[in-house]
Every structure is written in C-alpha cells, then in structure tokens.
Amino acid sequence: MNYWKISVKGSTRPTTTLKAQAEGVDHPPETMQVEKKARPLLEYPALLYGLIGIVGLLVLLVFAMKSGLDTPFASSDARQYAAIGASIAHGSGYRDPVGFWPTEPAYDRMPVFPLILSLGMGIAPNALDEVVLRLTNVVCLALAGVAIGALCRRLGVRPVLCLVGGLYVSLSPILIHLALEGLSEISFILIVSAGLAFAFSGPRYLYLAAVLLGLGPLVRTNFILVPLVFAALALLYPSARRALIPRATVKRAALALCLTLLPAAIWVTRNYALTGRFPLLSSIGGETFYGANNERAASDLNFWGGWVFPDAIPGETPKAVLAKRLPSDLALSDYYYSRGMAWTRNNVARLPRLVLGKIVRGFVPIPWANSPSPQEYMAFCSRLVLQVLFLITIPFWWPGMNRQYLLFLAALGISHLITTVLFFGLVRYTFCFLEVFTVPCVGFGIDRWLDRRRRAKASFAVVLTS
C-alpha cells in the first residue's frame, strides 16, 4: 500500500456476499455478487458537513447566549485581541490601544485572530467588542468541527464517525470555554484543520493547503517548528524519503514548504522593518519565558510547571513600572528574557523537577484548580475519553492510517514537547495544539474495528450455514 499519496479519499464499502465478508474482501472483483443499496444520506458531503456545522452552531449559540454575550472578558489576552481588531477595523493600523505603547505598531500579539475579528467589527461597527469576539469564535468553532469532519473523511473514516468527530470538536467543553473567553486557539484549530483537509483532497489543493497551514504560526508562534520538523522527519523516514526521490515530487514538496513558511516570513520582515530585530515573530516571548522559569513556578505546587505573571514573582518590579522605564515592548521582552535566563543558569540542579512539572501539567488530564467546578470535571472527562480512545485503538489505526498524517502528528508532538519544556505546560495548549488532531486517528481506528467485527460476524455466519 502506498501511504505517501497526496490524497486519501474516503473509502466506500459495498455490501458483499457472506463468503466475501468472511474472507475479508472489502472491494470484491466484478465477478463477485454485490448487493446494490441506496446511498446513505451522510455519504453526500454537503449533507454531512452541513449537519456538523448547523448542529454545532445552534448548540454553541445557546451556550453563548446563556453565558452572556456582553459579559466582560476575564482574560487580558481577549481584551488585547479585541482592541487590536478594533484598531484595524477603524483604519488605525495594527496597534494595541489598551497596551503600554498605544500609539506604536504592535508586534506582541500574532495577527491572524485580530484580522478575523476586524472583519466582524467591520460588519457590525456598533456592536460591543465582547459580542463580536464571542460570536466570531462561535462561528469559527462550528467551522472547525466541519473541517475536522472533512479531514476525517479524506483520511478514509466512514461518514457517521466523521459526524461524531466533527461534533466532538465543536461541542468540546474545553473549546467552548476558550471560545466564550475570547481566546485565539479556536481560529488556530480552524485554520490548521482546514489546511490539512485540503492537503488530503488531492494534488491540486496542495498549495492552498500549504498557505493555510502557513497561517498557523501567525496564531500560535510555536507552529513555525512543525513544517521544519515534518520536513526533517520525512527525510529521515525511509518510506517518505523514497517517495520524495522523483524530481517532480521534490519540486512540489519544496514549493509547498516555501509557501508554508511564507506568511511567517512576511510577518518577520514587517517586524524587522519596525524594530531592526531579526527574526522576530512576537515580543511576548520574554514575558512567557520568565513566567515559566522562576522561583515560584519551581517551588510553589500551585504553579509548579505552569506560568506565573511576572508581577506575582517575589521581588519582581511591576510591569507597569518597567513600561515607563523602557522604550518599547521589545525592550521589555528582552528584560524578561534576561531575568528568566539568569534564574535558569543559577538553578540548573532544579530544572529536572521543573521540567517534570511542565510535562505533568501539560499532558496529564487532571483538573488543576484547587476546587474544580463541574465544568472543569466535564472538560477533564472529555479530554480523558479522547486520550483513552486514542491509545486503545492504536492496533486498529496504526496499520492502515495515512503515514503522511502520522508524520504530521509526530511533528506536532515533537514541536509541542519542545515548547512545553522551554516554556510551560498548559491544558489549553496541549489540547488545541496536539490532542484535537488525534480525532481522525480515533475515528479511523473505530472504523477499522467495526470492519473487523463485521468480518468476524460474517465468518461465523458462514460456519453456521456450511
């Protein structure tokens, strides 16, 4: 079987005779009798994807209205995204009016999510920012479910399991919470899953898929590692390396890689023109690094392996005071980087325990709050179910799953592990960056288990009738 084809279409399963089923023949020769059946409704892509999108959107709207569309955001991240999106929509450029340098071009937050928000704010200029942001995320999450369903179908999963997989993503408690909190991970899942669905839809969509995947780092900066790790793994993996030998394949793969890196290159060039620093994707990295590598994150179990706002680190100068002393956001980031590196150099012996905390906090599916709410337990259970299904279906999805997709998952996992070790562990990052993309594997594994069960029943029936 060639696992390295650009496109893997959804398989069709004709109903064969009992003898053919017993022999495990999925596609019998023309001489074998095949019963003709009406095509199931979910076999029609428009109906399948429409059902995922409509059901997901309606349920999400109910959740959004019950939680309060105009409720102020608890997260400063959401307020920043909304402010930058409003600045773009009003024609004031990519600026952060609620930041410490409101009149200067911003380069701390990545641009794709604020650009999406600016479209909604342009459509409804008089609506509250909270309403626009929540409704935008609701639509993006419903579409993300559609994209995951389409990706599952392209990888050969039967339609009913594509429906379940798409709705699992759209109605995931973790993702609903993030959507209503106004965070950017929803747009990341939508963009990447749509890019993957196009990538497995045929060669003519390869370059469109590459551009969409290239937008991933402009939402989550660490996604910039994924195409590079994927290319390295493809060269190291023998089957993938042999598939790249033909010159035409090499050219297409090289062009696709360049297109994937192009959006980030444009953003880095823009930031270089503004700051003179190269390469610079975001100036928030210093604060993120110091918040993850400090005394409190290493010694306080409530923050072990997680992130601490620098103002909450004992003895640290408040951020507002530093912003008055320093000339730019980049200078502030440099200051935090130096603080984080100084602590790391002085506490090398404590790093193994801190790294363990990062991995545990990022990957172990337990509620981390001191007094978890019922909603947190629901999120924990939904994540645990996905992890368990992914593991127990390995014998079923591993033999036949598309190797390109598994290589992509490996690149995601390695990139996320590097990010977790260097920075910090967080459920929201692990689930949105990695675990969501295991849904096609679970669907494929259950699909193959059902096939094996069907063949076993057919074999048993033949024994009884013989």
Protein backbone atom coordinates (compact mmCIF):
# COMPACT_ATOMS: atom_id res chain seq x y z
CA MET A 1 0.00 0.00 0.00
CA ASN A 2 1.30 3.44 -0.85
CA TYR A 3 0.89 5.57 2.26
CA TRP A 4 2.56 8.61 0.74
CA LYS A 5 -0.01 9.71 -1.82
CA ILE A 6 -1.08 13.35 -1.64
CA SER A 7 -4.76 12.46 -1.46
CA VAL A 8 -6.51 9.76 0.53
CA LYS A 9 -10.18 9.71 -0.36
CA GLY A 10 -12.92 8.35 1.87
CA SER A 11 -13.40 4.69 1.22
CA THR A 12 -16.67 3.19 0.08
CA ARG A 13 -17.80 -0.13 1.41
CA PRO A 14 -20.03 -2.16 -0.96
CA THR A 15 -22.11 -4.83 0.68
CA THR A 16 -20.65 -8.17 -0.37
CA THR A 17 -21.78 -11.73 -0.02
CA LEU A 18 -21.25 -13.50 3.30
CA LYS A 19 -18.41 -15.51 1.80
CA ALA A 20 -16.61 -12.38 0.65
CA GLN A 21 -17.05 -10.77 4.08
CA ALA A 22 -15.71 -13.86 5.77
CA GLU A 23 -12.64 -13.73 3.56
CA GLY A 24 -12.08 -10.06 4.46
CA VAL A 25 -12.59 -8.75 0.90
CA ASP A 26 -13.53 -5.06 1.05
CA HIS A 27 -13.58 -4.50 -2.72
CA PRO A 28 -14.52 -7.76 -4.46
CA PRO A 29 -13.80 -8.41 -8.14
CA GLU A 30 -16.50 -7.73 -10.68
CA THR A 31 -17.39 -11.42 -10.88
CA MET A 32 -18.41 -11.42 -7.23
CA GLN A 33 -22.03 -10.63 -6.48
CA VAL A 34 -22.57 -7.21 -4.91
CA GLU A 35 -25.86 -6.11 -3.43
CA LYS A 36 -26.88 -2.63 -4.54
CA LYS A 37 -28.12 -0.36 -1.80
CA ALA A 38 -29.34 3.20 -1.74
CA ARG A 39 -26.58 5.64 -0.91
CA PRO A 40 -26.83 6.73 2.75
CA LEU A 41 -27.57 10.42 3.21
CA LEU A 42 -24.34 11.04 5.13
CA GLU A 43 -22.38 9.85 2.08
CA TYR A 44 -23.23 13.22 0.50
CA PRO A 45 -20.51 15.66 1.64
CA ALA A 46 -22.80 18.71 1.63
CA LEU A 47 -25.26 16.99 3.96
CA LEU A 48 -22.55 15.61 6.24
CA TYR A 49 -20.67 18.89 6.62
CA GLY A 50 -23.85 20.93 6.75
CA LEU A 51 -25.18 18.79 9.59
CA ILE A 52 -21.94 19.18 11.58
CA GLY A 53 -21.91 22.93 11.03
CA ILE A 54 -25.58 23.62 11.72
CA VAL A 55 -25.88 21.43 14.82
CA GLY A 56 -22.61 22.76 16.20
CA LEU A 57 -23.54 26.38 15.52
CA LEU A 58 -27.01 26.11 17.10
CA VAL A 59 -25.74 24.46 20.27
CA LEU A 60 -22.86 26.91 20.56
CA LEU A 61 -25.20 29.89 20.16
CA VAL A 62 -27.31 28.56 23.03
CA PHE A 63 -24.22 28.30 25.24
CA ALA A 64 -23.07 31.78 24.21
CA MET A 65 -26.41 33.43 24.96
CA LYS A 66 -26.75 31.64 28.31
CA SER A 67 -23.27 32.73 29.40
CA GLY A 68 -23.90 36.33 28.33
CA LEU A 69 -22.61 37.67 25.04
CA ASP A 70 -21.72 41.05 26.53
CA THR A 71 -20.06 39.77 29.72
CA PRO A 72 -16.65 41.45 30.21
CA PHE A 73 -13.68 39.21 29.49
CA ALA A 74 -11.70 37.81 32.39
CA SER A 75 -8.58 37.40 30.23
CA SER A 76 -6.32 40.30 29.28
CA ASP A 77 -5.45 38.33 26.13
CA ALA A 78 -9.04 38.65 24.87
CA ARG A 79 -9.11 42.38 25.61
CA GLN A 80 -5.91 42.85 23.65
CA TYR A 81 -7.19 40.87 20.66
CA ALA A 82 -10.41 42.89 20.66
CA ALA A 83 -8.54 46.18 20.91
CA ILE A 84 -6.18 45.35 18.03
CA GLY A 85 -9.08 44.07 15.92
CA ALA A 86 -11.00 47.33 16.56
CA SER A 87 -7.91 49.35 15.63
CA ILE A 88 -7.69 47.52 12.30
CA ALA A 89 -11.44 47.85 11.66
CA HIS A 90 -11.31 51.61 12.33
CA GLY A 91 -8.37 52.10 9.96
CA SER A 92 -5.83 52.91 12.69
CA GLY A 93 -3.45 50.10 11.76
CA TYR A 94 -2.12 47.20 13.77
CA ARG A 95 -1.92 48.88 17.18
CA ASP A 96 -2.85 47.94 20.72
CA PRO A 97 -4.84 50.85 22.21
CA VAL A 98 -5.02 49.16 25.64
CA GLY A 99 -1.29 48.38 25.83
CA PHE A 100 1.58 50.39 27.27
CA TRP A 101 2.53 51.81 23.85
CA PRO A 102 -0.90 52.57 22.30
CA THR A 103 0.37 54.80 19.50
CA GLU A 104 3.11 52.42 18.31
CA PRO A 105 2.65 49.49 15.90
CA ALA A 106 2.09 46.27 17.85
CA TYR A 107 4.16 43.13 17.40
CA ASP A 108 3.43 41.19 20.56
CA ARG A 109 0.14 39.54 19.54
CA MET A 110 0.04 37.48 16.35
CA PRO A 111 -2.07 38.99 13.55
CA VAL A 112 -4.48 36.36 12.17
CA PHE A 113 -7.02 36.36 15.01
CA PRO A 114 -7.24 40.18 15.26
CA LEU A 115 -7.65 40.31 11.46
CA ILE A 116 -10.56 37.84 11.68
CA LEU A 117 -12.09 39.95 14.46
CA SER A 118 -11.72 43.11 12.38
CA LEU A 119 -13.96 41.55 9.73
CA GLY A 120 -16.73 41.05 12.29
CA MET A 121 -16.24 44.53 13.68
CA GLY A 122 -16.43 45.95 10.17
CA ILE A 123 -19.73 44.13 9.58
CA ALA A 124 -21.18 45.27 12.92
CA PRO A 125 -19.37 48.51 13.79
CA ASN A 126 -21.78 49.47 16.58
CA ALA A 127 -21.74 46.11 18.39
CA LEU A 128 -19.85 45.61 21.62
CA ASP A 129 -16.38 44.12 21.21
CA GLU A 130 -17.31 41.27 23.58
CA VAL A 131 -20.32 40.34 21.46
CA VAL A 132 -18.38 40.40 18.19
CA LEU A 133 -15.49 38.39 19.61
CA ARG A 134 -17.71 35.69 21.13
CA LEU A 135 -19.88 35.33 18.04
CA THR A 136 -16.79 35.21 15.84
CA ASN A 137 -15.32 32.43 17.96
CA VAL A 138 -18.64 30.55 17.93
CA VAL A 139 -18.70 30.61 14.12
CA CYS A 140 -15.02 29.61 13.96
CA LEU A 141 -15.59 26.69 16.34
CA ALA A 142 -18.56 25.42 14.32
CA LEU A 143 -16.46 25.64 11.15
CA ALA A 144 -13.56 23.91 12.92
CA GLY A 145 -15.89 20.97 13.56
CA VAL A 146 -16.73 20.91 9.85
CA ALA A 147 -13.04 21.00 8.94
CA ILE A 148 -12.22 18.12 11.32
CA GLY A 149 -15.13 16.13 9.86
CA ALA A 150 -13.84 16.79 6.34
CA LEU A 151 -10.31 15.78 7.39
CA CYS A 152 -11.61 12.52 8.86
CA ARG A 153 -13.48 11.81 5.60
CA ARG A 154 -10.39 12.47 3.50
CA LEU A 155 -8.46 10.00 5.64
CA GLY A 156 -10.96 7.22 4.97
CA VAL A 157 -13.26 7.36 8.02
CA ARG A 158 -16.91 6.39 7.45
CA PRO A 159 -19.38 9.32 7.45
CA VAL A 160 -21.14 8.62 10.74
CA LEU A 161 -17.81 8.66 12.58
CA CYS A 162 -16.85 11.86 10.75
CA LEU A 163 -20.08 13.35 12.09
CA VAL A 164 -19.23 12.26 15.64
CA GLY A 165 -15.64 13.53 15.33
CA GLY A 166 -16.71 16.92 13.98
CA LEU A 167 -19.32 17.39 16.71
CA TYR A 168 -16.85 16.27 19.38
CA VAL A 169 -14.63 19.19 18.40
CA SER A 170 -17.44 21.74 18.01
CA LEU A 171 -19.02 20.81 21.34
CA SER A 172 -15.88 20.09 23.37
CA PRO A 173 -16.24 21.68 26.84
CA ILE A 174 -12.64 22.92 26.69
CA LEU A 175 -13.12 24.59 23.31
CA ILE A 176 -16.50 26.08 24.24
CA HIS A 177 -14.87 27.69 27.28
CA LEU A 178 -11.99 29.07 25.20
CA ALA A 179 -14.39 30.36 22.56
CA LEU A 180 -16.53 32.23 25.08
CA GLU A 181 -13.44 33.58 26.83
CA GLY A 182 -12.39 35.20 23.55
CA LEU A 183 -9.10 33.31 23.08
CA SER A 184 -7.31 32.64 19.81
CA GLU A 185 -6.93 28.85 19.88
CA ILE A 186 -10.26 28.34 18.11
CA SER A 187 -9.05 30.13 14.99
CA PHE A 188 -5.84 28.10 15.13
CA ILE A 189 -7.74 24.80 15.06
CA LEU A 190 -9.93 26.04 12.20
CA ILE A 191 -7.03 27.18 10.03
CA VAL A 192 -4.83 24.13 10.57
CA SER A 193 -7.62 21.55 10.23
CA ALA A 194 -8.89 23.26 7.06
CA GLY A 195 -5.36 23.24 5.65
CA LEU A 196 -5.00 19.55 6.41
CA ALA A 197 -8.38 18.74 4.86
CA PHE A 198 -7.28 20.47 1.64
CA ALA A 199 -3.88 18.75 1.77
CA PHE A 200 -5.57 15.34 1.64
CA SER A 201 -8.13 16.36 -1.00
CA GLY A 202 -5.82 15.95 -3.98
CA PRO A 203 -2.68 17.41 -5.57
CA ARG A 204 -4.45 20.46 -6.99
CA TYR A 205 -5.19 21.68 -3.44
CA LEU A 206 -1.65 21.19 -2.12
CA TYR A 207 -0.50 24.80 -2.47
CA LEU A 208 -3.72 26.20 -0.99
CA ALA A 209 -3.23 23.81 1.93
CA ALA A 210 0.37 24.98 2.34
CA VAL A 211 -0.69 28.64 2.56
CA LEU A 212 -3.43 27.84 5.10
CA LEU A 213 -1.03 25.83 7.23
CA GLY A 214 1.43 28.71 6.92
CA LEU A 215 -1.07 30.93 8.74
CA GLY A 216 -0.79 28.65 11.79
CA PRO A 217 2.34 30.38 13.21
CA LEU A 218 0.52 33.71 12.93
CA VAL A 219 -1.88 32.43 15.59
CA ARG A 220 0.37 30.14 17.66
CA THR A 221 4.02 31.04 17.17
CA ASN A 222 5.39 27.58 18.02
CA PHE A 223 3.64 26.12 14.98
CA ILE A 224 6.57 27.55 12.98
CA LEU A 225 8.52 24.48 14.14
CA VAL A 226 6.04 22.00 12.66
CA PRO A 227 6.84 22.27 8.91
CA LEU A 228 10.56 22.18 9.67
CA VAL A 229 10.24 19.13 11.94
CA PHE A 230 7.92 17.48 9.40
CA ALA A 231 10.47 18.01 6.60
CA ALA A 232 13.26 16.60 8.79
CA LEU A 233 11.21 13.53 9.72
CA ALA A 234 10.25 12.97 6.07
CA LEU A 235 13.93 12.89 5.12
CA LEU A 236 14.77 10.53 7.97
CA TYR A 237 11.85 8.14 7.44
CA PRO A 238 12.85 5.64 4.71
CA SER A 239 9.45 5.29 3.02
CA ALA A 240 8.92 9.04 2.92
CA ARG A 241 12.44 9.62 1.63
CA ARG A 242 11.92 7.16 -1.21
CA ALA A 243 8.63 8.86 -2.13
CA LEU A 244 10.47 12.18 -2.46
CA ILE A 245 13.11 10.84 -4.85
CA PRO A 246 11.31 11.76 -8.13
CA ARG A 247 12.36 15.25 -9.20
CA ALA A 248 8.78 16.46 -9.73
CA THR A 249 7.88 15.35 -6.20
CA VAL A 250 10.90 17.15 -4.76
CA LYS A 251 9.94 20.36 -6.55
CA ARG A 252 6.33 20.21 -5.36
CA ALA A 253 7.38 19.43 -1.79
CA ALA A 254 9.95 22.25 -1.77
CA LEU A 255 7.46 24.75 -3.15
CA ALA A 256 4.83 23.65 -0.62
CA LEU A 257 7.35 24.08 2.22
CA CYS A 258 8.25 27.57 0.98
CA LEU A 259 4.57 28.54 0.79
CA THR A 260 4.05 27.23 4.32
CA LEU A 261 6.86 29.45 5.62
CA LEU A 262 5.86 32.48 3.53
CA PRO A 263 3.22 34.06 5.84
CA ALA A 264 5.58 33.93 8.82
CA ALA A 265 8.39 35.34 6.65
CA ILE A 266 6.21 38.30 5.69
CA TRP A 267 5.38 38.98 9.34
CA VAL A 268 9.04 38.65 10.40
CA THR A 269 10.03 41.09 7.63
CA ARG A 270 7.42 43.58 8.84
CA ASN A 271 8.71 43.30 12.42
CA TYR A 272 12.31 43.70 11.23
CA ALA A 273 11.36 46.94 9.48
CA LEU A 274 9.81 48.19 12.74
CA THR A 275 12.41 47.01 15.26
CA GLY A 276 15.62 46.13 13.44
CA ARG A 277 15.48 42.70 15.16
CA PHE A 278 15.63 39.52 13.05
CA PRO A 279 13.98 37.08 13.28
CA LEU A 280 11.14 38.35 15.47
CA LEU A 281 7.73 36.70 15.40
CA SER A 282 6.46 38.12 18.68
CA SER A 283 7.76 40.28 21.50
CA ILE A 284 5.74 38.45 24.15
CA GLY A 285 8.22 35.57 24.32
CA GLY A 286 10.37 37.10 27.04
CA GLU A 287 7.45 37.51 29.43
CA THR A 288 6.30 33.96 28.63
CA PHE A 289 9.78 32.53 29.23
CA TYR A 290 10.35 34.31 32.55
CA GLY A 291 6.86 33.49 33.78
CA ALA A 292 7.62 29.79 33.23
CA ASN A 293 11.17 29.73 34.61
CA ASN A 294 11.28 31.37 38.00
CA GLU A 295 11.34 30.60 41.71
CA ARG A 296 7.60 30.41 42.16
CA ALA A 297 6.97 28.11 39.18
CA ALA A 298 9.69 25.80 40.51
CA SER A 299 8.80 25.71 44.22
CA ASP A 300 5.09 26.55 44.62
CA LEU A 301 2.94 23.45 43.87
CA ASN A 302 0.03 25.68 42.88
CA PHE A 303 2.14 26.97 39.96
CA TRP A 304 4.53 24.03 39.50
CA GLY A 305 5.38 23.71 35.82
CA GLY A 306 2.88 26.40 34.89
CA TRP A 307 3.05 30.11 34.19
CA VAL A 308 3.27 32.92 36.72
CA PHE A 309 2.51 36.50 35.76
CA PRO A 310 5.85 38.27 36.33
CA ASP A 311 4.26 40.78 38.71
CA ALA A 312 3.44 37.83 41.00
CA ILE A 313 7.08 36.68 41.20
CA PRO A 314 8.52 37.72 44.59
CA GLY A 315 10.82 40.72 44.29
CA GLU A 316 9.97 41.48 40.65
CA THR A 317 9.40 45.07 39.51
CA PRO A 318 5.78 45.60 38.35
CA LYS A 319 5.29 45.53 34.61
CA ALA A 320 3.65 48.98 34.57
CA VAL A 321 6.73 50.48 36.22
CA LEU A 322 9.06 48.74 33.76
CA ALA A 323 6.99 50.00 30.82
CA LYS A 324 7.64 53.59 31.95
CA ARG A 325 11.37 52.97 32.15
CA LEU A 326 11.82 51.01 28.92
CA PRO A 327 11.37 52.44 25.42
CA SER A 328 9.43 49.62 23.74
CA ASP A 329 7.66 46.32 24.08
CA LEU A 330 10.73 44.59 22.63
CA ALA A 331 12.95 46.10 25.33
CA LEU A 332 10.51 44.82 27.95
CA SER A 333 10.67 41.35 26.39
CA ASP A 334 14.49 41.46 26.43
CA TYR A 335 14.41 42.37 30.11
CA TYR A 336 12.19 39.40 30.95
CA TYR A 337 14.32 37.05 28.85
CA SER A 338 17.42 38.12 30.75
CA ARG A 339 15.65 37.55 34.08
CA GLY A 340 14.48 34.11 33.03
CA MET A 341 17.91 33.11 31.72
CA ALA A 342 19.59 34.36 34.89
CA TRP A 343 17.30 32.23 37.06
CA THR A 344 17.84 29.20 34.79
CA ARG A 345 21.64 29.49 34.96
CA ASN A 346 21.57 29.82 38.74
CA ASN A 347 19.23 26.87 39.28
CA VAL A 348 20.42 24.16 36.92
CA ALA A 349 20.02 21.46 39.58
CA ARG A 350 16.33 22.31 39.96
CA LEU A 351 15.50 22.22 36.26
CA PRO A 352 14.66 18.47 36.07
CA ARG A 353 11.92 18.87 38.68
CA LEU A 354 10.60 21.99 36.95
CA VAL A 355 10.58 20.26 33.53
CA LEU A 356 8.73 17.30 35.06
CA GLY A 357 6.13 19.73 36.37
CA LYS A 358 5.73 21.28 32.92
CA ILE A 359 5.15 17.89 31.30
CA VAL A 360 2.73 16.74 34.00
CA ARG A 361 0.75 19.98 33.90
CA GLY A 362 0.63 19.96 30.11
CA PHE A 363 -0.13 16.32 29.38
CA VAL A 364 -1.79 14.68 32.39
CA PRO A 365 -5.58 15.12 32.15
CA ILE A 366 -6.49 16.17 35.70
CA PRO A 367 -8.30 19.30 36.93
CA TRP A 368 -5.64 21.68 38.26
CA ALA A 369 -7.85 24.11 40.18
CA ASN A 370 -7.87 23.89 43.99
CA SER A 371 -11.66 23.47 43.95
CA PRO A 372 -12.60 22.27 40.44
CA SER A 373 -16.06 23.22 39.19
CA PRO A 374 -18.43 20.72 37.50
CA GLN A 375 -17.49 22.34 34.16
CA GLU A 376 -13.82 21.60 34.81
CA TYR A 377 -14.63 17.97 35.55
CA MET A 378 -16.60 17.77 32.29
CA ALA A 379 -13.61 19.19 30.40
CA PHE A 380 -11.33 16.70 32.17
CA CYS A 381 -13.59 13.77 31.26
CA SER A 382 -13.92 14.76 27.59
CA ARG A 383 -10.16 15.03 27.27
CA LEU A 384 -9.58 11.75 29.12
CA VAL A 385 -12.03 9.92 26.83
CA LEU A 386 -10.14 11.13 23.75
CA GLN A 387 -6.77 10.09 25.18
CA VAL A 388 -8.02 6.63 26.19
CA LEU A 389 -9.66 6.03 22.80
CA PHE A 390 -6.50 7.15 21.02
CA LEU A 391 -4.42 4.63 22.98
CA ILE A 392 -6.74 1.62 22.89
CA THR A 393 -7.41 1.96 19.16
CA ILE A 394 -3.71 2.01 18.22
CA PRO A 395 -3.78 -1.64 16.99
CA PHE A 396 -6.60 -0.69 14.62
CA TRP A 397 -5.48 2.67 13.23
CA TRP A 398 -1.73 2.12 13.13
CA PRO A 399 -1.54 -0.46 10.28
CA GLY A 400 -3.63 1.48 7.76
CA MET A 401 -3.56 5.14 8.80
CA ASN A 402 -2.06 7.50 6.24
CA ARG A 403 1.66 7.83 7.01
CA GLN A 404 1.81 11.46 5.99
CA TYR A 405 -0.78 12.31 8.60
CA LEU A 406 1.02 10.28 11.26
CA LEU A 407 4.23 12.09 10.36
CA PHE A 408 2.39 15.40 10.79
CA LEU A 409 1.15 14.26 14.22
CA ALA A 410 4.70 13.31 15.17
CA ALA A 411 5.91 16.77 14.09
CA LEU A 412 3.14 18.35 16.17
CA GLY A 413 4.06 16.25 19.19
CA ILE A 414 7.79 16.99 18.99
CA SER A 415 7.19 20.72 18.46
CA HIS A 416 4.78 20.89 21.37
CA LEU A 417 7.10 18.93 23.65
CA ILE A 418 9.97 21.33 22.87
CA THR A 419 7.70 24.30 23.59
CA THR A 420 6.46 22.77 26.84
CA VAL A 421 9.96 22.06 28.13
CA LEU A 422 11.27 25.52 27.26
CA PHE A 423 8.21 27.42 28.44
CA PHE A 424 5.38 25.81 30.43
CA GLY A 425 2.66 23.20 30.41
CA LEU A 426 -0.98 24.16 29.95
CA VAL A 427 -4.03 22.02 29.19
CA ARG A 428 -5.41 24.53 26.70
CA TYR A 429 -2.23 24.48 24.62
CA THR A 430 -1.84 20.70 24.63
CA PHE A 431 -5.46 20.04 23.75
CA CYS A 432 -5.69 22.67 20.99
CA PHE A 433 -2.22 22.19 19.53
CA LEU A 434 -1.99 18.40 19.63
CA GLU A 435 -4.86 16.36 21.04
CA VAL A 436 -7.60 17.73 18.78
CA PHE A 437 -5.69 16.41 15.78
CA THR A 438 -5.79 12.85 17.13
CA VAL A 439 -9.56 12.73 16.42
CA PRO A 440 -9.04 11.36 12.86
CA CYS A 441 -6.87 8.56 14.26
CA VAL A 442 -9.55 7.61 16.77
CA GLY A 443 -12.22 7.70 14.06
CA PHE A 444 -10.08 5.59 11.73
CA GLY A 445 -9.34 3.09 14.49
CA ILE A 446 -13.01 2.67 15.43
CA ASP A 447 -13.84 2.37 11.73
CA ARG A 448 -11.37 -0.48 11.27
CA TRP A 449 -12.54 -2.16 14.48
CA LEU A 450 -16.11 -2.12 13.14
CA ASP A 451 -14.87 -3.62 9.85
CA ARG A 452 -13.07 -6.39 11.71
CA ARG A 453 -16.16 -7.06 13.82
CA ARG A 454 -18.32 -7.23 10.69
CA ARG A 455 -15.98 -9.71 9.06
CA ALA A 456 -15.89 -11.85 12.20
CA LYS A 457 -19.69 -11.99 12.29
CA ALA A 458 -19.82 -12.86 8.58
CA SER A 459 -17.27 -15.63 9.10
CA PHE A 460 -19.29 -17.02 11.99
CA ALA A 461 -22.45 -16.95 9.83
CA VAL A 462 -20.68 -18.89 7.06
CA VAL A 463 -19.61 -21.53 9.57
CA LEU A 464 -23.18 -21.90 10.78
CA THR A 465 -24.60 -22.21 7.27
CA SER A 466 -21.97 -24.60 5.93
